[in-house]
Amino acid sequence: MAKSNLKQKEPLKKVTTNVSEVSGNRLKSFIERVERLEEEKSAIAEDIRDVYAEAKGTGFDPRVMRKIVSLRKTNLEKRREQQELLELYMSAIGMAE
């Protein structure tokens, strides 16, 4: 007889619920905390957009501001390394001054 290429299915394991294993109130508390934080995160993101819009209205470039915010998050040594690589790559393709 030829061997079948079909895999035999393993019997499904029953999911048992044990109230002592899962505390519904504790789980609900975690979920509600995450939901509140997600709401706060959305509100903060909207506030940040408003600040960039206000800055743009006074003549600043939000793209450049975002870049500066990003650079300020990076430590000095890493920024220097990135700047040196940028200058090296630009020089290699003929974009150097």
PDB file of N, CA and C in Angstrom:
ATOM      1  N   MET A   1       0.818  -1.183   0.000  1.00  0.00           N
ATOM      2  CA  MET A   1       0.000   0.000   0.000  1.00  0.00           C
ATOM      3  C   MET A   1       0.866   1.252   0.000  1.00  0.00           C
ATOM      4  N   ALA A   2       0.389   2.275  -0.679  1.00  0.00           N
ATOM      5  CA  ALA A   2       1.108   3.555  -0.706  1.00  0.00           C
ATOM      6  C   ALA A   2       0.809   4.328   0.566  1.00  0.00           C
ATOM      7  N   LYS A   3       1.849   5.031   1.018  1.00  0.00           N
ATOM      8  CA  LYS A   3       1.677   5.842   2.219  1.00  0.00           C
ATOM      9  C   LYS A   3       0.897   7.107   1.875  1.00  0.00           C
ATOM     10  N   SER A   4       0.024   7.482   2.739  1.00  0.00           N
ATOM     11  CA  SER A   4      -0.770   8.687   2.530  1.00  0.00           C
ATOM     12  C   SER A   4       0.030   9.907   2.960  1.00  0.00           C
ATOM     13  N   ASN A   5      -0.009  10.979   2.150  1.00  0.00           N
ATOM     14  CA  ASN A   5       0.671  12.220   2.488  1.00  0.00           C
ATOM     15  C   ASN A   5      -0.144  13.074   3.454  1.00  0.00           C
ATOM     16  N   LEU A   6      -1.373  12.661   3.719  1.00  0.00           N
ATOM     17  CA  LEU A   6      -2.215  13.426   4.617  1.00  0.00           C
ATOM     18  C   LEU A   6      -1.780  13.201   6.056  1.00  0.00           C
ATOM     19  N   LYS A   7      -1.674  14.267   6.782  1.00  0.00           N
ATOM     20  CA  LYS A   7      -1.312  14.167   8.192  1.00  0.00           C
ATOM     21  C   LYS A   7      -2.558  13.797   8.979  1.00  0.00           C
ATOM     22  N   GLN A   8      -2.377  12.947   9.942  1.00  0.00           N
ATOM     23  CA  GLN A   8      -3.494  12.612  10.802  1.00  0.00           C
ATOM     24  C   GLN A   8      -3.727  13.767  11.755  1.00  0.00           C
ATOM     25  N   LYS A   9      -4.980  14.084  11.906  1.00  0.00           N
ATOM     26  CA  LYS A   9      -5.320  15.186  12.807  1.00  0.00           C
ATOM     27  C   LYS A   9      -5.213  14.712  14.246  1.00  0.00           C
ATOM     28  N   GLU A  10      -4.632  15.592  15.061  1.00  0.00           N
ATOM     29  CA  GLU A  10      -4.559  15.300  16.489  1.00  0.00           C
ATOM     30  C   GLU A  10      -5.920  15.609  17.096  1.00  0.00           C
ATOM     31  N   PRO A  11      -6.310  14.848  18.093  1.00  0.00           N
ATOM     32  CA  PRO A  11      -7.606  15.136  18.718  1.00  0.00           C
ATOM     33  C   PRO A  11      -7.586  16.517  19.356  1.00  0.00           C
ATOM     34  N   LEU A  12      -8.683  17.227  19.216  1.00  0.00           N
ATOM     35  CA  LEU A  12      -8.788  18.564  19.796  1.00  0.00           C
ATOM     36  C   LEU A  12      -8.811  18.465  21.308  1.00  0.00           C
ATOM     37  N   LYS A  13      -8.040  19.349  21.939  1.00  0.00           N
ATOM     38  CA  LYS A  13      -8.025  19.393  23.399  1.00  0.00           C
ATOM     39  C   LYS A  13      -9.174  20.272  23.859  1.00  0.00           C
ATOM     40  N   LYS A  14      -9.856  19.808  24.842  1.00  0.00           N
ATOM     41  CA  LYS A  14     -10.953  20.602  25.389  1.00  0.00           C
ATOM     42  C   LYS A  14     -10.383  21.753  26.201  1.00  0.00           C
ATOM     43  N   VAL A  15     -10.974  22.903  26.030  1.00  0.00           N
ATOM     44  CA  VAL A  15     -10.581  24.065  26.810  1.00  0.00           C
ATOM     45  C   VAL A  15     -11.410  24.042  28.080  1.00  0.00           C
ATOM     46  N   THR A  16     -10.719  23.935  29.176  1.00  0.00           N
ATOM     47  CA  THR A  16     -11.439  23.934  30.442  1.00  0.00           C
ATOM     48  C   THR A  16     -11.345  25.305  31.058  1.00  0.00           C
ATOM     49  N   THR A  17     -12.439  25.741  31.586  1.00  0.00           N
ATOM     50  CA  THR A  17     -12.440  27.033  32.258  1.00  0.00           C
ATOM     51  C   THR A  17     -12.495  26.802  33.749  1.00  0.00           C
ATOM     52  N   ASN A  18     -11.551  27.372  34.399  1.00  0.00           N
ATOM     53  CA  ASN A  18     -11.481  27.271  35.840  1.00  0.00           C
ATOM     54  C   ASN A  18     -11.426  28.689  36.374  1.00  0.00           C
ATOM     55  N   VAL A  19     -12.443  29.075  37.080  1.00  0.00           N
ATOM     56  CA  VAL A  19     -12.553  30.444  37.569  1.00  0.00           C
ATOM     57  C   VAL A  19     -11.354  30.823  38.423  1.00  0.00           C
ATOM     58  N   SER A  20     -10.776  29.855  39.112  1.00  0.00           N
ATOM     59  CA  SER A  20      -9.626  30.192  39.949  1.00  0.00           C
ATOM     60  C   SER A  20      -8.395  30.487  39.102  1.00  0.00           C
ATOM     61  N   GLU A  21      -8.355  30.007  37.846  1.00  0.00           N
ATOM     62  CA  GLU A  21      -7.217  30.272  36.960  1.00  0.00           C
ATOM     63  C   GLU A  21      -7.312  31.651  36.320  1.00  0.00           C
ATOM     64  N   VAL A  22      -8.517  32.082  36.024  1.00  0.00           N
ATOM     65  CA  VAL A  22      -8.712  33.368  35.362  1.00  0.00           C
ATOM     66  C   VAL A  22      -9.659  34.210  36.205  1.00  0.00           C
ATOM     67  N   SER A  23      -9.140  35.299  36.666  1.00  0.00           N
ATOM     68  CA  SER A  23      -9.969  36.211  37.437  1.00  0.00           C
ATOM     69  C   SER A  23     -10.560  37.230  36.486  1.00  0.00           C
ATOM     70  N   GLY A  24     -11.827  37.131  36.254  1.00  0.00           N
ATOM     71  CA  GLY A  24     -12.491  38.038  35.318  1.00  0.00           C
ATOM     72  C   GLY A  24     -12.362  39.486  35.704  1.00  0.00           C
ATOM     73  N   ASN A  25     -12.486  39.768  36.989  1.00  0.00           N
ATOM     74  CA  ASN A  25     -12.384  41.168  37.438  1.00  0.00           C
ATOM     75  C   ASN A  25     -10.988  41.715  37.216  1.00  0.00           C
ATOM     76  N   ARG A  26      -9.994  40.898  37.494  1.00  0.00           N
ATOM     77  CA  ARG A  26      -8.593  41.340  37.311  1.00  0.00           C
ATOM     78  C   ARG A  26      -8.318  41.587  35.830  1.00  0.00           C
ATOM     79  N   LEU A  27      -8.753  40.665  34.971  1.00  0.00           N
ATOM     80  CA  LEU A  27      -8.564  40.800  33.524  1.00  0.00           C
ATOM     81  C   LEU A  27      -9.278  42.042  33.004  1.00  0.00           C
ATOM     82  N   LYS A  28     -10.521  42.234  33.460  1.00  0.00           N
ATOM     83  CA  LYS A  28     -11.296  43.403  33.032  1.00  0.00           C
ATOM     84  C   LYS A  28     -10.593  44.686  33.445  1.00  0.00           C
ATOM     85  N   SER A  29      -9.991  44.691  34.626  1.00  0.00           N
ATOM     86  CA  SER A  29      -9.260  45.856  35.110  1.00  0.00           C
ATOM     87  C   SER A  29      -8.089  46.190  34.190  1.00  0.00           C
ATOM     88  N   PHE A  30      -7.331  45.169  33.796  1.00  0.00           N
ATOM     89  CA  PHE A  30      -6.209  45.398  32.878  1.00  0.00           C
ATOM     90  C   PHE A  30      -6.691  45.951  31.547  1.00  0.00           C
ATOM     91  N   ILE A  31      -7.743  45.362  31.028  1.00  0.00           N
ATOM     92  CA  ILE A  31      -8.271  45.794  29.721  1.00  0.00           C
ATOM     93  C   ILE A  31      -8.751  47.235  29.794  1.00  0.00           C
ATOM     94  N   GLU A  32      -9.446  47.586  30.855  1.00  0.00           N
ATOM     95  CA  GLU A  32      -9.933  48.956  31.003  1.00  0.00           C
ATOM     96  C   GLU A  32      -8.791  49.942  31.142  1.00  0.00           C
ATOM     97  N   ARG A  33      -7.723  49.553  31.848  1.00  0.00           N
ATOM     98  CA  ARG A  33      -6.555  50.430  31.962  1.00  0.00           C
ATOM     99  C   ARG A  33      -5.924  50.668  30.598  1.00  0.00           C
ATOM    100  N   VAL A  34      -5.794  49.617  29.804  1.00  0.00           N
ATOM    101  CA  VAL A  34      -5.220  49.758  28.462  1.00  0.00           C
ATOM    102  C   VAL A  34      -6.107  50.661  27.615  1.00  0.00           C
ATOM    103  N   GLU A  35      -7.415  50.477  27.711  1.00  0.00           N
ATOM    104  CA  GLU A  35      -8.333  51.319  26.936  1.00  0.00           C
ATOM    105  C   GLU A  35      -8.204  52.793  27.324  1.00  0.00           C
ATOM    106  N   ARG A  36      -8.090  53.066  28.625  1.00  0.00           N
ATOM    107  CA  ARG A  36      -7.918  54.460  29.061  1.00  0.00           C
ATOM    108  C   ARG A  36      -6.612  55.040  28.529  1.00  0.00           C
ATOM    109  N   LEU A  37      -5.554  54.242  28.594  1.00  0.00           N
ATOM    110  CA  LEU A  37      -4.259  54.721  28.091  1.00  0.00           C
ATOM    111  C   LEU A  37      -4.297  54.949  26.581  1.00  0.00           C
ATOM    112  N   GLU A  38      -4.994  54.085  25.855  1.00  0.00           N
ATOM    113  CA  GLU A  38      -5.142  54.287  24.405  1.00  0.00           C
ATOM    114  C   GLU A  38      -5.873  55.598  24.120  1.00  0.00           C
ATOM    115  N   GLU A  39      -6.889  55.906  24.907  1.00  0.00           N
ATOM    116  CA  GLU A  39      -7.607  57.170  24.744  1.00  0.00           C
ATOM    117  C   GLU A  39      -6.682  58.355  25.017  1.00  0.00           C
ATOM    118  N   GLU A  40      -5.886  58.242  26.077  1.00  0.00           N
ATOM    119  CA  GLU A  40      -4.941  59.308  26.415  1.00  0.00           C
ATOM    120  C   GLU A  40      -3.904  59.469  25.308  1.00  0.00           C
ATOM    121  N   LYS A  41      -3.446  58.338  24.768  1.00  0.00           N
ATOM    122  CA  LYS A  41      -2.449  58.383  23.693  1.00  0.00           C
ATOM    123  C   LYS A  41      -3.021  59.109  22.472  1.00  0.00           C
ATOM    124  N   SER A  42      -4.285  58.832  22.144  1.00  0.00           N
ATOM    125  CA  SER A  42      -4.920  59.512  21.015  1.00  0.00           C
ATOM    126  C   SER A  42      -5.038  61.012  21.273  1.00  0.00           C
ATOM    127  N   ALA A  43      -5.406  61.367  22.495  1.00  0.00           N
ATOM    128  CA  ALA A  43      -5.536  62.783  22.840  1.00  0.00           C
ATOM    129  C   ALA A  43      -4.184  63.480  22.759  1.00  0.00           C
ATOM    130  N   ILE A  44      -3.136  62.823  23.233  1.00  0.00           N
ATOM    131  CA  ILE A  44      -1.795  63.411  23.177  1.00  0.00           C
ATOM    132  C   ILE A  44      -1.337  63.557  21.729  1.00  0.00           C
ATOM    133  N   ALA A  45      -1.598  62.548  20.895  1.00  0.00           N
ATOM    134  CA  ALA A  45      -1.222  62.631  19.476  1.00  0.00           C
ATOM    135  C   ALA A  45      -1.924  63.808  18.808  1.00  0.00           C
ATOM    136  N   GLU A  46      -3.176  64.023  19.168  1.00  0.00           N
ATOM    137  CA  GLU A  46      -3.912  65.167  18.616  1.00  0.00           C
ATOM    138  C   GLU A  46      -3.304  66.479  19.094  1.00  0.00           C
ATOM    139  N   ASP A  47      -2.911  66.539  20.351  1.00  0.00           N
ATOM    140  CA  ASP A  47      -2.264  67.742  20.890  1.00  0.00           C
ATOM    141  C   ASP A  47      -0.949  68.028  20.157  1.00  0.00           C
ATOM    142  N   ILE A  48      -0.201  66.989  19.872  1.00  0.00           N
ATOM    143  CA  ILE A  48       1.070  67.153  19.152  1.00  0.00           C
ATOM    144  C   ILE A  48       0.814  67.684  17.743  1.00  0.00           C
ATOM    145  N   ARG A  49      -0.193  67.136  17.071  1.00  0.00           N
ATOM    146  CA  ARG A  49      -0.552  67.643  15.737  1.00  0.00           C
ATOM    147  C   ARG A  49      -0.920  69.124  15.809  1.00  0.00           C
ATOM    148  N   ASP A  50      -1.650  69.491  16.852  1.00  0.00           N
ATOM    149  CA  ASP A  50      -2.043  70.898  17.027  1.00  0.00           C
ATOM    150  C   ASP A  50      -0.823  71.802  17.202  1.00  0.00           C
ATOM    151  N   VAL A  51       0.164  71.345  17.956  1.00  0.00           N
ATOM    152  CA  VAL A  51       1.381  72.145  18.158  1.00  0.00           C
ATOM    153  C   VAL A  51       2.112  72.331  16.838  1.00  0.00           C
ATOM    154  N   TYR A  52       2.240  71.239  16.058  1.00  0.00           N
ATOM    155  CA  TYR A  52       2.905  71.361  14.754  1.00  0.00           C
ATOM    156  C   TYR A  52       2.118  72.294  13.827  1.00  0.00           C
ATOM    157  N   ALA A  53       0.797  72.221  13.853  1.00  0.00           N
ATOM    158  CA  ALA A  53      -0.033  73.106  13.022  1.00  0.00           C
ATOM    159  C   ALA A  53       0.146  74.556  13.442  1.00  0.00           C
ATOM    160  N   GLU A  54       0.203  74.790  14.746  1.00  0.00           N
ATOM    161  CA  GLU A  54       0.417  76.149  15.243  1.00  0.00           C
ATOM    162  C   GLU A  54       1.788  76.668  14.817  1.00  0.00           C
ATOM    163  N   ALA A  55       2.805  75.825  14.932  1.00  0.00           N
ATOM    164  CA  ALA A  55       4.160  76.218  14.518  1.00  0.00           C
ATOM    165  C   ALA A  55       4.191  76.525  13.025  1.00  0.00           C
ATOM    166  N   LYS A  56       3.498  75.700  12.244  1.00  0.00           N
ATOM    167  CA  LYS A  56       3.454  75.923  10.793  1.00  0.00           C
ATOM    168  C   LYS A  56       2.785  77.262  10.497  1.00  0.00           C
ATOM    169  N   GLY A  57       1.747  77.579  11.252  1.00  0.00           N
ATOM    170  CA  GLY A  57       1.033  78.843  11.074  1.00  0.00           C
ATOM    171  C   GLY A  57       1.889  80.061  11.356  1.00  0.00           C
ATOM    172  N   THR A  58       2.933  79.890  12.145  1.00  0.00           N
ATOM    173  CA  THR A  58       3.830  81.009  12.442  1.00  0.00           C
ATOM    174  C   THR A  58       5.089  80.978  11.585  1.00  0.00           C
ATOM    175  N   GLY A  59       5.124  80.044  10.605  1.00  0.00           N
ATOM    176  CA  GLY A  59       6.218  80.051   9.641  1.00  0.00           C
ATOM    177  C   GLY A  59       7.273  78.974   9.813  1.00  0.00           C
ATOM    178  N   PHE A  60       7.140  78.110  10.791  1.00  0.00           N
ATOM    179  CA  PHE A  60       8.118  77.035  10.968  1.00  0.00           C
ATOM    180  C   PHE A  60       7.731  75.819  10.135  1.00  0.00           C
ATOM    181  N   ASP A  61       8.725  75.042   9.750  1.00  0.00           N
ATOM    182  CA  ASP A  61       8.502  73.853   8.933  1.00  0.00           C
ATOM    183  C   ASP A  61       8.357  72.631   9.849  1.00  0.00           C
ATOM    184  N   PRO A  62       7.165  72.055   9.923  1.00  0.00           N
ATOM    185  CA  PRO A  62       6.941  70.912  10.806  1.00  0.00           C
ATOM    186  C   PRO A  62       7.823  69.700  10.496  1.00  0.00           C
ATOM    187  N   ARG A  63       8.154  69.481   9.228  1.00  0.00           N
ATOM    188  CA  ARG A  63       9.023  68.348   8.884  1.00  0.00           C
ATOM    189  C   ARG A  63      10.393  68.499   9.521  1.00  0.00           C
ATOM    190  N   VAL A  64      10.916  69.719   9.469  1.00  0.00           N
ATOM    191  CA  VAL A  64      12.221  69.981  10.070  1.00  0.00           C
ATOM    192  C   VAL A  64      12.116  69.863  11.588  1.00  0.00           C
ATOM    193  N   MET A  65      11.041  70.355  12.142  1.00  0.00           N
ATOM    194  CA  MET A  65      10.843  70.243  13.585  1.00  0.00           C
ATOM    195  C   MET A  65      10.777  68.778  14.018  1.00  0.00           C
ATOM    196  N   ARG A  66      10.067  67.952  13.246  1.00  0.00           N
ATOM    197  CA  ARG A  66       9.980  66.519  13.570  1.00  0.00           C
ATOM    198  C   ARG A  66      11.361  65.875  13.524  1.00  0.00           C
ATOM    199  N   LYS A  67      12.157  66.286  12.557  1.00  0.00           N
ATOM    200  CA  LYS A  67      13.515  65.757  12.448  1.00  0.00           C
ATOM    201  C   LYS A  67      14.339  66.148  13.679  1.00  0.00           C
ATOM    202  N   ILE A  68      14.207  67.380  14.106  1.00  0.00           N
ATOM    203  CA  ILE A  68      14.943  67.846  15.286  1.00  0.00           C
ATOM    204  C   ILE A  68      14.496  67.069  16.525  1.00  0.00           C
ATOM    205  N   VAL A  69      13.197  66.860  16.674  1.00  0.00           N
ATOM    206  CA  VAL A  69      12.687  66.083  17.812  1.00  0.00           C
ATOM    207  C   VAL A  69      13.287  64.677  17.785  1.00  0.00           C
ATOM    208  N   SER A  70      13.322  64.095  16.607  1.00  0.00           N
ATOM    209  CA  SER A  70      13.904  62.756  16.454  1.00  0.00           C
ATOM    210  C   SER A  70      15.392  62.745  16.807  1.00  0.00           C
ATOM    211  N   LEU A  71      16.114  63.745  16.319  1.00  0.00           N
ATOM    212  CA  LEU A  71      17.546  63.830  16.604  1.00  0.00           C
ATOM    213  C   LEU A  71      17.817  64.029  18.094  1.00  0.00           C
ATOM    214  N   ARG A  72      16.971  64.805  18.751  1.00  0.00           N
ATOM    215  CA  ARG A  72      17.163  65.049  20.187  1.00  0.00           C
ATOM    216  C   ARG A  72      16.964  63.777  21.011  1.00  0.00           C
ATOM    217  N   LYS A  73      16.224  62.826  20.468  1.00  0.00           N
ATOM    218  CA  LYS A  73      16.025  61.546  21.151  1.00  0.00           C
ATOM    219  C   LYS A  73      17.264  60.660  21.046  1.00  0.00           C
ATOM    220  N   THR A  74      18.089  60.931  20.052  1.00  0.00           N
ATOM    221  CA  THR A  74      19.280  60.130  19.794  1.00  0.00           C
ATOM    222  C   THR A  74      20.463  60.734  20.536  1.00  0.00           C
ATOM    223  N   ASN A  75      21.318  59.878  21.115  1.00  0.00           N
ATOM    224  CA  ASN A  75      22.464  60.425  21.853  1.00  0.00           C
ATOM    225  C   ASN A  75      23.471  61.069  20.901  1.00  0.00           C
ATOM    226  N   LEU A  76      24.309  61.928  21.440  1.00  0.00           N
ATOM    227  CA  LEU A  76      25.238  62.740  20.654  1.00  0.00           C
ATOM    228  C   LEU A  76      26.149  61.884  19.779  1.00  0.00           C
ATOM    229  N   GLU A  77      26.712  60.835  20.335  1.00  0.00           N
ATOM    230  CA  GLU A  77      27.636  59.994  19.568  1.00  0.00           C
ATOM    231  C   GLU A  77      26.939  59.342  18.367  1.00  0.00           C
ATOM    232  N   LYS A  78      25.730  58.873  18.565  1.00  0.00           N
ATOM    233  CA  LYS A  78      24.970  58.252  17.476  1.00  0.00           C
ATOM    234  C   LYS A  78      24.638  59.283  16.396  1.00  0.00           C
ATOM    235  N   ARG A  79      24.301  60.509  16.814  1.00  0.00           N
ATOM    236  CA  ARG A  79      24.013  61.578  15.844  1.00  0.00           C
ATOM    237  C   ARG A  79      25.245  61.903  15.020  1.00  0.00           C
ATOM    238  N   ARG A  80      26.396  61.986  15.678  1.00  0.00           N
ATOM    239  CA  ARG A  80      27.634  62.268  14.947  1.00  0.00           C
ATOM    240  C   ARG A  80      27.934  61.172  13.937  1.00  0.00           C
ATOM    241  N   GLU A  81      27.751  59.937  14.347  1.00  0.00           N
ATOM    242  CA  GLU A  81      27.993  58.803  13.446  1.00  0.00           C
ATOM    243  C   GLU A  81      27.066  58.869  12.238  1.00  0.00           C
ATOM    244  N   GLN A  82      25.787  59.162  12.476  1.00  0.00           N
ATOM    245  CA  GLN A  82      24.831  59.275  11.376  1.00  0.00           C
ATOM    246  C   GLN A  82      25.194  60.426  10.442  1.00  0.00           C
ATOM    247  N   GLN A  83      25.610  61.547  11.010  1.00  0.00           N
ATOM    248  CA  GLN A  83      25.989  62.705  10.202  1.00  0.00           C
ATOM    249  C   GLN A  83      27.207  62.389   9.343  1.00  0.00           C
ATOM    250  N   GLU A  84      28.197  61.715   9.925  1.00  0.00           N
ATOM    251  CA  GLU A  84      29.395  61.346   9.166  1.00  0.00           C
ATOM    252  C   GLU A  84      29.048  60.399   8.018  1.00  0.00           C
ATOM    253  N   LEU A  85      28.172  59.435   8.284  1.00  0.00           N
ATOM    254  CA  LEU A  85      27.756  58.511   7.221  1.00  0.00           C
ATOM    255  C   LEU A  85      26.990  59.237   6.127  1.00  0.00           C
ATOM    256  N   LEU A  86      26.116  60.158   6.540  1.00  0.00           N
ATOM    257  CA  LEU A  86      25.361  60.939   5.564  1.00  0.00           C
ATOM    258  C   LEU A  86      26.316  61.719   4.654  1.00  0.00           C
ATOM    259  N   GLU A  87      27.294  62.388   5.249  1.00  0.00           N
ATOM    260  CA  GLU A  87      28.271  63.157   4.467  1.00  0.00           C
ATOM    261  C   GLU A  87      29.093  62.247   3.564  1.00  0.00           C
ATOM    262  N   LEU A  88      29.501  61.081   4.065  1.00  0.00           N
ATOM    263  CA  LEU A  88      30.264  60.135   3.267  1.00  0.00           C
ATOM    264  C   LEU A  88      29.451  59.652   2.067  1.00  0.00           C
ATOM    265  N   TYR A  89      28.213  59.276   2.312  1.00  0.00           N
ATOM    266  CA  TYR A  89      27.352  58.776   1.220  1.00  0.00           C
ATOM    267  C   TYR A  89      27.073  59.868   0.198  1.00  0.00           C
ATOM    268  N   MET A  90      26.820  61.090   0.671  1.00  0.00           N
ATOM    269  CA  MET A  90      26.548  62.193  -0.254  1.00  0.00           C
ATOM    270  C   MET A  90      27.787  62.474  -1.106  1.00  0.00           C
ATOM    271  N   SER A  91      28.961  62.417  -0.491  1.00  0.00           N
ATOM    272  CA  SER A  91      30.201  62.628  -1.223  1.00  0.00           C
ATOM    273  C   SER A  91      30.394  61.532  -2.276  1.00  0.00           C
ATOM    274  N   ALA A  92      30.070  60.306  -1.905  1.00  0.00           N
ATOM    275  CA  ALA A  92      30.250  59.177  -2.810  1.00  0.00           C
ATOM    276  C   ALA A  92      29.380  59.281  -4.065  1.00  0.00           C
ATOM    277  N   ILE A  93      28.242  59.941  -3.950  1.00  0.00           N
ATOM    278  CA  ILE A  93      27.374  60.078  -5.128  1.00  0.00           C
ATOM    279  C   ILE A  93      27.448  61.472  -5.754  1.00  0.00           C
ATOM    280  N   GLY A  94      28.430  62.254  -5.338  1.00  0.00           N
ATOM    281  CA  GLY A  94      28.664  63.546  -5.954  1.00  0.00           C
ATOM    282  C   GLY A  94      27.787  64.667  -5.464  1.00  0.00           C
ATOM    283  N   MET A  95      27.256  64.539  -4.251  1.00  0.00           N
ATOM    284  CA  MET A  95      26.390  65.583  -3.713  1.00  0.00           C
ATOM    285  C   MET A  95      27.112  66.496  -2.734  1.00  0.00           C
ATOM    286  N   ALA A  96      28.392  66.262  -2.516  1.00  0.00           N
ATOM    287  CA  ALA A  96      29.155  67.087  -1.561  1.00  0.00           C
ATOM    288  C   ALA A  96      29.311  68.491  -2.103  1.00  0.00           C
ATOM    289  N   GLU A  97      29.440  69.434  -1.206  1.00  0.00           N
ATOM    290  CA  GLU A  97      29.599  70.837  -1.608  1.00  0.00           C
ATOM    291  C   GLU A  97      30.958  71.099  -2.155  1.00  0.00           C
TER     292      GLU A  97
END
